[in-house]
Structure formats: structure tokens, C-alpha cells
Amino acid sequence: MRWYAHNRGYDGNSRWARQEDNDEDTEKEAEARKWMDEKGTSTMAHTICALLEIDPQNPARKTSSQFPYKTLNTAYPRRIVEREVAQILEKTDLLSPEAKKFILTSDKLGPGELAQLKDWDIKLPKRYHGGLLFGQLVPRFDNRIISRCPITWAEIYDRELAKGTEKKEAKRIAERDSKVPAKKSREFLEYRFARILANIRLDGKPLPKDLRNTLFDSARKRGRLTATEIGNVIESYQPGGETNLDSYFKLHPDAEDALTLDPAANEMRKACESSQATLYPFWPAIPEDTRQLLQTEWEKGRKVSLKQILALSKDDPTLTETIKKQFAKETQTAKGKKSFPDLQTYLAKKKAGPDGLTGRAAYSRKVLTKVVEEVKEGFDPTRSAKDDEDTHGNKKATDGVLYPTLEPNSRVNELLAERPLDHLTNNHLVRHRLLILERLVKELIKEFAEGKPEHVTQVVVEVARELKEMSGMTAKQKAAELTQRLKDFTSAVNYLEENAPHLPITGGLIRKCRIAMDMGWKCPFTEEPYCVNDLTNLEKEHIIPYSQQRTNALHALVLTWPQVNEMKKKRTGAQFVAQEQGKEVPGMERLSITTWKKYEAASKAHGDARKPSKQNFWPSKRFPHHDDAVRCHLRRKQLLVENFEEREQGFTEGALTQSSHLIKLALRGLKKQLPAAKSFVIPGIATSEIRKAWNLLGTLGDPSVCGREALRWMQAYDHRTREFEFDTARDHLTFEKAELIEKKSKGKTTTSLPSDAFSCPNDECEAPLTWPAPEVSKATCPDCHAILRREVKPKEDIRSLTHLHHAIDAATLAYIAHYFPLTQNGENITGKLWRAVANRNKSESDLKLLERTKLYNFCNKLDNNGNERTRAYLQDLPAEVKNQLVARLAESRVAQHIPSNRSGSRTKQTTWGVVAFDAKNSRYRLKNKSFINDSGKKNLNQDNSRNRSENFPNPNGKGELKQWLRSSKLIGPKPKSQSGKLKAISGALIIDSNYGLALEPEPMIVAFHAVQKSLEELQKKNGGQMPRILRNGMLIRLIGHKNRDGIWAVASIQETDHKIDLIKPWLVSMKETVKLENGKSKKRNRKGIHVWRERPYGQLHKPDEGKYLEILPQSYCGVPH
């Protein structure tokens, strides 16, 4: 029984799993079955004995084996293990029938059964589900906060107060009775469909009541409708009517998925009618009673595999034969390779069922039902009674059920503002960031507003979408995610460097290259190929005219020639090809518009018809990240849009609402702390345009801020002649050449640039040059005579260099709020203003609005077509303002949040074997067994330790990794109790991180294991006073270290000699990324005056020599330098 407690089999958390088994789990189960079939066994224990070549019937022959059966990537199904445990228990009389039941049951234990266990001195946690052997604690995700409906909450709360109930009790009742259902509920699916019907327009008006009900009945009967089917119903109702179906369903990636009203009925219909459905070939052979069982499973939102269907049909012979025939048909490919290794894998992987909706609805069942009823009556649930009427002109009696959520001064919003932020989001990272924001605002008020919140008159908020996307990720996972996300960008840069070294690599050229790589280096309107050298002559063209859909996102753009662009005019791509197919392009010989058939085929091949699922996405050469697949999917949709409804707003929905929920939460928290302040939300597209126009990133290059770390030298480029500039007249200042530093290592001599030098950016020169004085911004290379100009590095490089880019963004928001008029005659005009700022081709109204700000200069210029256009240029900030910004940035007010959590142990999960003990140095020698995998590669559990490691390969395919580690880094060799489990097996776990360096009574590393107990022991040794702890991220001040004096941040602390790595607070990391000659990148330790590596604490703090290390108090406002 003890062995089975560690080998219980796999059940996929079937009691509470909300998602289906992933492919990896399915493969593990298939692998386990493969071994059972190969060894001719029916239980897990017999299979493992066969693998170990141990015969249970003849234990004298062989009793042990070193075969690594746990590395075979197997997962034995739970029901097999349950069956063999039941067989073992049946054959023993040592346990009572009642005890056997407690061991085997998988059901939740009742109060009586729990009481019986207490009598046996067994107490289970409340979260425990199941019996003693096969039970498990319910995961944390099952205990998360359930959202409350704000409308129902306010209604119940006010009703209870009217009854005379106390406020506290009224809140408790409102919390209890206003919970919202899951999104997979029938009420939410109907609500979602109803909201879509309310937004569809016919000849510019809402759909009539009878048409809405017809669509509802049709969707309920079929399970779901497609946009085309809705269009057909509308066409039969009113032939020739114009709708907004194209713009509504083809542009938003998830819009058409919302047309499912009954997922189970939809699956039944697909299995009967759609040849693309998984179950279509098998449906005629599935018995009727099995179909009913399938529908029940689908109604619960579960996918069902062919294996489960066979089990439900009790291995129906007709169905079994049909599956075998289809398996033989599907597993043969053109190259003769099988898609599935065997029938069992095929049965397990072939699944059918609805795509499960996760999360919860926004409103209660009662409110969702009212919304559906109101839509069916022909009204809009978001509008007031006085502003809403049906197509017959009938006014509704009361305000829409959702109208109170949109009315700022409504009772619903009043009560919602009083609710704690912790009750409004389940995302632990968002809640934590909001808590930090609250603390930061408190300190800001205290330091800069004399502790008086009323002194703050304005609040400007911008929230990054990555906050939610990066929730719960470690630093390593975030780095991997960002690397994968930037892979497409990096590929474009590498392609340009390799194939077009003569072109200056600018942001615009990189965007063109990325679009070209997406499009296969072809113009979609002419099917004419182009090459990298044509990029400067090609134009970025909006598939849907920019005047109708204001977005510059990559998915909205293609590349084409100026003549084709002029011919297209203000038409969508599909309209243009449909109307002009076969016609010649004026001004371009032998070039004509492609046919509609070719255009449609190429557009459909560009991306997936359905939005790629993030859960099922697998990186590929074409799509290294999920965002890349989505981008091509959205471009495909735009390429096929013929009629587009022009919208009023100046931004896309994403630009305005991408972080709307987070912004609301942030503003709600700020409103409590700053009740007198007016709040404004500025979209990132506006801040980006204004930041670039004012060149605020350039302030980071000042010597008192980041200096040359934030700058680079680029070859000057003349955009009119499209050539690089050279100083043929010798009029410019000339750089001094730098002398390379020679280093000898292992008999090889290498050269490198000194820290104050750089290479000439001209690829044909690359001469080593010395950085000139800070005031020099333009000079000439003495070798190639290329004119070089100094500029700030791109934003991506700045992000990886310094935390101060956040300060630049915050300063941009502050300057915008100060200089731009956000209100006019008491009305918020930010929407119109940001549209005018971001619009590429500004309208007359945009120009007039910008002119009223008195911040823009205007001039007339000819565009590419020779037409005169008025251009608006934002005036630069006054010099004294930028100088003030530089002075504030030089203060380097960077502070890191240091978690106060001391619980748990941060150890690696691999158990190492203890080989020897060195008493002199108090260290242990460890070994870790590993095995050669099928491909012949060593699969070793590598450790990041700086200690010496050795591999000892073995002819039998085994190996060992050995190393020495200090006893303070290990758990197990010296247990607190005499009966340590690790000590009994001569094992040890490695603690992979430190909590900090305790400075009293003498410097000592505190490992991240039993931290609180360690600190209490140190407190006793220190005379009852808690010792000071130096931790990573803390700010310190060095005194008496000459040119190293000042404020530093602790980057890392080593146990050896208590060495400390220090960096300037504004630096992101001790590491920097450098590019090698072969084009690859690697990380290395930074050098220079901004880092100070491996300084022993004893040398940093020597009071007798006048050298001091002072730990600065933690403050979210940072410490000014």
C-alpha cells in the first residue's frame, strides 16, 4: 500500500479538471498501454516487474534492478491501478471491510465518515476530496473568488436596508445572493447571442423584433448560426438591405464564436451534416442510446474521445469495425508514414465536443435573462427609457437593465466604488500590483503633496496589457515569452542585415520587412513578387482605408507599389480586386490586377480561418509565437472584407479597451485616495506619438543619467537621395581611432574594444573609434569618411538597459496632462484629441482641433501623388523643461518591491546522493544518476553551481554528475530530528536561493529554508535584537570608497566570502546582450563604472578605515541620488 501511495496512476484530475487532458498526458497513457501490451500484463505492478526483469513468483532469482522505469514517459490509468489495489485488498484479512472502503473510495467523504476517521486518529483537511489512498487536496483554483453581479448586489443591498437590516448583514446577504454563473451556462450563451443581435444593423437601424425572434428560434434549433446564415435570414426578410455583418464578424477574431447558442445541439448537428466534423464518418454506426449519452456529456461541456464512445456503446461491433476502417484510411499519408502509431493512440486522441468556455459571466442569471427578454422585445438593454425605442417607434417603460452600469452617478456604480478591490478580480498578480499602487500613492502624497490628498488635482493612467498576460510567470518564463514574442521582429532584422546591408535599418523598414515576410514577398493585389531591395520603393497600404478603420497594426497593412495604391483609393482590398480584376496598372508596364479567384485563394492561404487557440498553439518556423499566427489570421479576414461600416471612433477597440478592466480597477483605487482629482486615461498610441515628437528618450543619453549606455552611433542617411552621407569635403569633426586591447588565453590571442570605444557602423569599415565629448553629436570616421550621428537607442534596447524608461513614460503622461487641453467648456475632449494626434492623414477638423491647442506648427507639403497636404508638427518642449527632466532622471529614483514572504523552502526537487563529507570545509560531495536517452544524448540534471562538476559516462548508458556543495546549501544530511527521511537514504536536496545576508552578530548567509526559525535563532544570538538583513534588490549607500561612493542596488550575494554584486539602481540587470560575429547573441556580465562585482562585505564595511555600507530605508518613491 505504501508503494501504491507513490504510484497511484493518472486520472487527469477528473473530479475537478476544467480543461481536457493535454496531448502529453494522452501520450503517456498510450505509452503505458504499449508496455502492458508488449509484456502481456494487465496491472501496473506486473508491468513494472517485467520491465525490471523481476519475477514475483521467484524472488530468489533476482530482487533488485537499476532499470530506470520512471523515465519511460508512462502514466498508468487510475482505473487500472484501482482495480489491482482492490484485488490485493480482497486477498487480505488484516483490514476490516470498512477500512478497505475508506482506502478505495474516490467519492467525497461525508460527515459521518470523517467522524469515523477521527476515532481512528486520522484527521483530513476540509479541502481533501476522496479516500485515503486515491484522494487529493482540491487545487487552489477551485477556491478562487466568484464574481458578483453589480446590479443584483445593489438591488439586494438596498432591499435589505429598506427592511431595516443592518449594513453589515445586508452586505453579507448581497454577497451571498449575487453570484454570477459560469460562461458555459445556458443563460450566458443566450445573453451573448442577444447582445450580438442588438448590435446588428439593417439599413442603419436595429433589427426588428420579429426578425430577432426568428434568428433566436433558428439558432436554438441548430445550436449555432454562422454570419453567412444570419445574412441569408436577413436577406430573405428584406432583400437588398445593407448590414454591418462584414465589419462585425470578419474583423474581430472571436465574434463568430459567440454565435453558439446550444453547444451540445451544435455538435449533434455537425456530426450529422458536416463532413469536416470528427464524428461524421462514425455517426451512422453509433447507436441511438449512445448518442443520447454523448449529448449529455456535451451538455456538461466535455469533449469525448472515440475510446470513451466505444465504452459507452459497450464495444458495439458495427462501430468497432467502422473505427478500424477509418483508422486505416486516416493513418496513411503520401509518404507512407502513419499519423498515429497505433489504434489505441488514435482512439485516445480523436475527440469531439464543444470548445469549453472558461471564466464567469459579468451578471447574475436574473440580469442575463432580463437582457435577453429586452432584446427580443426590440430594445437596447444599455439605453435609457427616453433614448430607446423599437423599430415601430415604441418607447420602453423603464431604463435598460444594463443602463445603470453605464451611468456614472447611478446607485449601482456608487456601491461598486465602495467594494474592496480584492473582491473585483481573481488575478493575484493584478491584486498585488494594485496593492503596491495604493502604497506608492500614499508615499507620493506624503513626500510631494505635504500629506494632503486635496493638493492633487489630476490623475493620468496608462496600464500595460502585459500585466495580465505575464500573471504568475517567473522571471525566466517572462524572458522566454518575450524572446519568443520578439522572434519575428529579430528574424526581420537579421534578414535585412544579411540581404540588404546597404539599407539603413529603421523602424519603418523593419515593419515593411515583417509584412513582406508574412505575405511571402508578393503584392496581394497583383500577385507580383518583389525582393528586399524593393522595400524602399514599396508603400504600406491599409487593407481597409485608414479613414474608416484607424489602426496602423501590422495585420491591417500590406505592401504594394505607389501606382497600385493610387489606383486602389478609398476601397477595401476585396472591393478593389473585385472591381478592377484584370485591368492594367497605370504607369506600370505588364502589371495588372489579379483575378478575384486567385486573390481569394491567396488570402485564405495566408492564415487560419478560425482564430488560433493559445492553449493548442505550437511554435513553428512561420509562426514562432501565438501573436504571429493571430496576426496572419486577422489579415486574412481583412483581405476578404468587401463592405466595411465606417466608425466614429478614432481608435480601434483594442486601443481603447485592451486594458479597460485594469484601468477601471486602478482608477477606482486612486479615486478613494484622491477624491478631489480628475482622472484621465491616455491610450498608448497617443503617448507613443507625443513621446517621439518631443524626443524624450534622448534625455536618457545625458552623462548624468545613463550616458553613452543609452546612445549609439549611426551612419547618416539622406532620405531624399536614399544614400548614406560621406564627408568628401572634410568639413566635419573627425573621430580619434581607438587602440584594440589584446588578451592571451589558453595560447590564443584575442582583441577587444576598450570600454570607451565603438566600431564604425559602416559594414565595409568597422574601424575602432573613440567616443568623443558629450557635446559632439556628429563626426566623421577617419578611415571611410562616413558621417556618423549620435542618437538614442531603440525603445526595445532601452527597456533591457534601464528602468528609467518607465520614468520617461510617466513624464510623458504628466507633460501631456499639463500642456494639452483635456477638457473644453467642461466637456472631456480626449477622444477627439487623441484621434487627431494619431491620425496619419489628418482631416480639417483634426487640424483645427490641434491648432486650438497652440502646440503645433503647420506647413504645406506635397505627398507621393503630388497633392498638397497640410502637415502638423508638435512643437518641442522648452529647453528648461527638458533640463528639469534630466535633473529628475539623474536622481535615479528606482525602487524594487522586495517580498516579505518568508514561508516555504526554495529547493530543487531532484534528490542527490551523498558520497562523502569534507569536515574541514564543512561540505558534501554529491552524485546524481542520469541516463542516456534514445537519441544518444546525456540527460543530466545540471546544476548552476560554480563548483567543479564531472561526468562519468558508463558503457551501459548510465552516467553520474558529481559536485561539492557546502552543508548550508543542503537539506537532509543534518536533520533536526534523528529520523530524517533523506538521511536514511543518504540523500540531499539543494537549496537554490538565499533569503539574504544577516549582518549581526557576524555576517552570515540565511538560506531560503525555515527562514523565520533561522532569524529567531540569530535574534537570540544578537542579544534579542533582530539583525539587519541585506537582500537582493535593496538600496545601499557606500561612504569612503572614493569614486565608488553613492547609492547602489544589490544584484546578488554569494556565500563565498559573502561577496556582493552591486549595480546602479537604474540598470535592469548585471548582464548585457552582445552580438557575435556569426550573428548570434549571448549574455555576458557588464563592465564599467556602473557595476561593481564580487566585493566582499568585509571590504565594503570597514569602520576603522572610514568605509561604510549603509542600508537605506525601503520606499516606493526611491532615494534621490
Foldseek 3Di string as FASTA:
>chain_A
DVVCLVQQFDDPPVVDDPDDDDPLQLVQAVLQVVLCVVQVHQAPVVSVCVVQVADPVCCVVDPGHPPPPVPSSHTHHNVRSLVVVVVVVVPDPPDDPLLVCLQRWQAADDPVVQVVVVVVVDHDDPQWGIHDRPIDGDDPVVVFFFAFALLQLLVQLVVCVVVVHDNVVSNVVSSVPGGFAWCLDLLNLLLLQLQVQQPKDWLRHRDFLVLVVVLVVVLVQQQFDALVRNVVSVCVVPPPIDIQSLQQPLQDQCRRVSRGNHFLSNLVNCLPPPPPALNVQQVVVQDPVLSVVSSVCQSVVDKAFQVNSCVSSVNRVSSVVSLVVVLVVQQQDPVRGGPDPDSSSNRSPRIDHDDDGGDGDNGHSVLSVQCSVQSSNQWHLQAAQVPIDHPVRHTDDGHRSNNQVVDCPHSSNVVVLVDDLSNVDRQPLLVVVLVVVLQQVQVCCVPPVVSDLQSAAAAEDDDDLVSRVCGPPDPVRVVVQVCLVCVLLLVLVVCCVVPPVQADDDPVLSLQSSQCLLLVQAALFFRDHDDSVCSLQKDWDFQQHCQQAPDPDSLRTHIDGPQVRVQQPRFHLLQSQDVFAPHARPPDPPTGTHHNVSSLVSLPVSAPCHQDDQVPDDADPQRSHSVSRNSSNSSSSSNNRGDHDRDDFLHDCCQVCVCVSSVVSSVSSVCVSNVNYDYDYDGPLLLVLQCVLQVLLQLCCPPLFVNCLFKDKDFDADSVVRGTDFPPVQPFAEFDFFDWDWDDDPNDIDTDGPPQWFFDSNPVGRTITGDDPPVDAWHAYPPRRTIMGMDGDDPVQLVQWFPCVVVSSVVSSVVCVVQAPQDDPNHGPSRLQSSLSNDPQHDPVSVVNVVVSVQWDWDWDADPVRDIGIDIRGHHDDPVVSVVVSQQSSQVQFADDDDPDLDDAQWDPAKWAWDDADPVQQKTKTKDKWFQDPVRDTDDPDDPDPFDWDWDADPVGMIMIITIDHPLQWPQCDDPDPDTPQVVRRIIIGRDAWAFWFPPPHTDTHTSHVRVVVQVVRCVVRVNDGTDTQGARFKKAKWPPVPLGGIWGWHGFDRVLRWTKTFRSGTPHQWDWDADPVGDIDIDGDDDSGIDGGDRPCVQDDVVNGIHIGGDDHDNSGGGD
